[in-house]
Amino acid sequence: MRAAEEFGRASSRTPRPPQEFHDRGRCLLHHKAAVMRVKLSSIYRMRFLYESPGDAAFSVLRAAQRYLFEPRPWGKSANLDVITEWEPAARELATVGLRVLLPNLHSNAATKPGFMASVDTEKLLLGIYKHAGATSAVIMGKSWGGGEAVAFAAAHPMMVRMLVLVAPSLTDTSLIARIARLPAVLFWARDDPVRSFGLSQLYVDGMADVVLHAVPHGGHQVLDEYLPTLCTAASDALWAPPKRLHRATHVGRFVRVEPLEADRHCDELFAAFQDDPSHSRWAYSFQSGFSSREALWAYLASLEAGTGAYFGVQKTSLSGMTAPLLSATPPRTNWQAPVWQVHDSAAVSMPIGLPAVSIPIGPQLASDWKPPPSPVRLTLRGACVACVPLALEHASALHAAYAGAGDVHWTFLSYGPFDSPAALGAWLGPQTTSADPLFFALEVNGVALGLAAFLRIAAAHGCLEIGHLSFGPQLARTPPATEALFLMLQWSFSNGYRRVEWKCNARHVRSRAAALRLGFVFEGVTRQATVVRQRNRDTAWFSILDAEWPRVGAALSAWLSPANFDSEGRQRRRLEEIRAGMEPDGGSLLRT
C-alpha cells in the first residue's frame, strides 16, 4: 500500500511539467552537492513509494528488527524505470517477513511537486527510522542514493546492519573508513560511464567485509536489471529469515538470473570455467578450481542443498558469458570473498598453489618487515607516570585508589567491584603471570592508581590492543593517564607494530570519546559481540595505524609538554586542536 505519512507541509505551488522538473532537479542537485554537500533547508512533503502491507508483516519485523529501504535521489537517475525495478524487489522481500520501505523523496520522479527543496537525507532517514520504529536496517542505494547511504552509515553505524550499494557516488575515504567493519555488497559495471569501475577499489581496500560484483557490460543503467536478485540474495545470505526465500527467476534486457540447479547448470558452468586458464577466478576462494565435471557437480549440489543459501547464474546477451552471480554464504567464521571479486586495477603476483595469478590483493609490505616482538614484563617510564609490571603488592594501593569511585566504576568491566584488598588480590593473582593480557600497574610518585594492559597480541600480524583500562579517580582524566597511554602506544609502534586497537562497549560514551581524543579512528560496531554480566555488549572498534602514528604521536608529545600547561596545571591547547593543525607526518608541529 502507499502510506499517507507526511513530513512537514505540502507546497501549494502548481506542479511543473516533468521535463522542466527534471532540468531544475539536476541543476539544483549538482549545485547543492558541490557547494553545500546537500545541507538541510526544508522538507516539504515525503510519501513512501512503497511500504509493506499488513499488520502481520510489521509485527514480525518489529520483533526481528529487520528493515530494508533505499534512499531515492532526485535528478537524472530518479526516473520511473528505476523505480519500477525497486518496487518488484520490495514486494518479493515483503513476502518473507521483511519490512520494506522505499522513501519517495520530495521531487522524485514518482511525484510532480511544485517546489524543489534541498534535503539533508541523513536527517530524513532518521525520521523514517522513527516512523518505522526501527533500530537496525539494511540500507540500499544506487549512484547518488548509494553515496547518501554511505554517509548515513558513517554518521549512524549502530543503526545499519548491512549496506547494499550500486555504483555509489561517494568517494570520501574518511567516510568509507568509518564504515570499515560494516558488511557490504557492492555492485558495479566495468564499463559504467557515470561512475568509473576503478572507484570500486576505494571500497574494496577500505572495508573489511565487502563483496564486489563486477558486471562485465551494461554501463550505469543495466545495473537496474540486477536489483531484484541483488535484494533477494543479500537478504537471504545475511538475515537467514525463518521462511526460505522464494527462489525466483528474474529476466531483464541483458541478463537472466535464475536459481542454481546442479544438474542443469553444471555443464554450462564447467565450460565457462575452462575459459579461465589463469585460474584468477579462484584467487579469493577456498576452491582451487575443478579438474572434472564431477567435482564441480558435487560442489554445486552442496550449494543447491545448502540451508538458506541462494546461488544464481547470470547470462549476458552481449557476450554470451555464463558465470556465478552470487555465491552461497559460507559460515561467518570461515567467510572469504567470493570467486568473482577480481579487479582491473594494478596487479601484483600472488603464489597460491596454482598457476601464476596477477590480481590486486593488498599493498605489499616492505621487504625487510618482520613480525615485531611480543611485549614482555617491562617498565615504561614517563615524566609523571610509570607503567610497571603488575604484582600482588599493588593490591592494597589499587583498592584504595578505587575506593572513591563507587560501584559505577565497574559498570562496563567484566570484573569487580572488590570488597577488600584481599578480594582484589585474589583476582590480581592470575593476571600477574599472564602474557596475554599483559597487565601494567600505573604508578604516580610510586603509588599504583590504575591498571592497563596489552591484549589480543598478534605479533605475526603486527597488531595488538590496549585495554583493561581501569583508572582510579585520582588518575582519570589527568596528564599522567594520557602519558601512560602514550607510552604504551609509543612502545608498540617503535617496536614495529602496524596497528594498535581500542575496543569498548558501544554504550560506553566516555571510552569512545577518550579513544577519539587520543587519535584513534572509529571503525564500526560489532553487534552482540559478547555477554557481560548477563547483558548484551555491542563492541565499538577503534584503531591507530603505523602510518598515522607520526601525527598522533607528535600531537601527544606536544600536548604533554610542560609548555602546554599554565602555572595551575590547566592545559593551554586541547589535544584535538594540536592534532588538527598537523600534517600526517607531524612535521607541521614546529609551524603551529
Foldseek 3Di string as FASTA:
>chain_A
DKDPDWDAAADPADFDPLVVLQVVQVVVVVVCCVPPVLDFDDAHTKIWPDKQDDPVLLVLCLVVLEEEEFAAGAHDVLAPVLVVLVVVLQHLVSVQSYIYTYIQGPSRNVDGGRDDGRHLVLVVVVVVCVVSVHQAYEYEYEAQRLQSVLVNCLVPVRRYQEYEYELYNDQPLLSLQSQQEHAYEYEYECPAPPRHPVSVVSNVQRHDHYAYFYHDDDHRPCVSQCVSVSSQQVCLQPVVGPDARDQDWGDDPFKIKGWDDLVVCLVQALVLCVVCQQQQLCPFPPDSDDPDSVVSSVVSVCQNPDRSFTWIWIAGPVVRHIDIRDGGADPPVPGIHHRNPFDDDAWDWDDDVHHIDTTDDDDDDDPPAAQFDQDDQDWFDDDFKIWGFDDLVQLQLQLVLAVVVPPVLCVFPQDDDAPDSVRSSVVCVVQSPDSAFGKTFMDGPRGGFWIKTWHPDDSRQLEIEIDPTRGGPVQPPALSVLVVVLRVVVVSLVRPRFKYKYKGFPPPVVSVVVCVQLPWRWRHWAFQPDAGPNHGGIMTMTMDGSLQCQLSSLLSVVQSDPVQADPVGDGNDRSVVQSVQADSNRVCNVVD
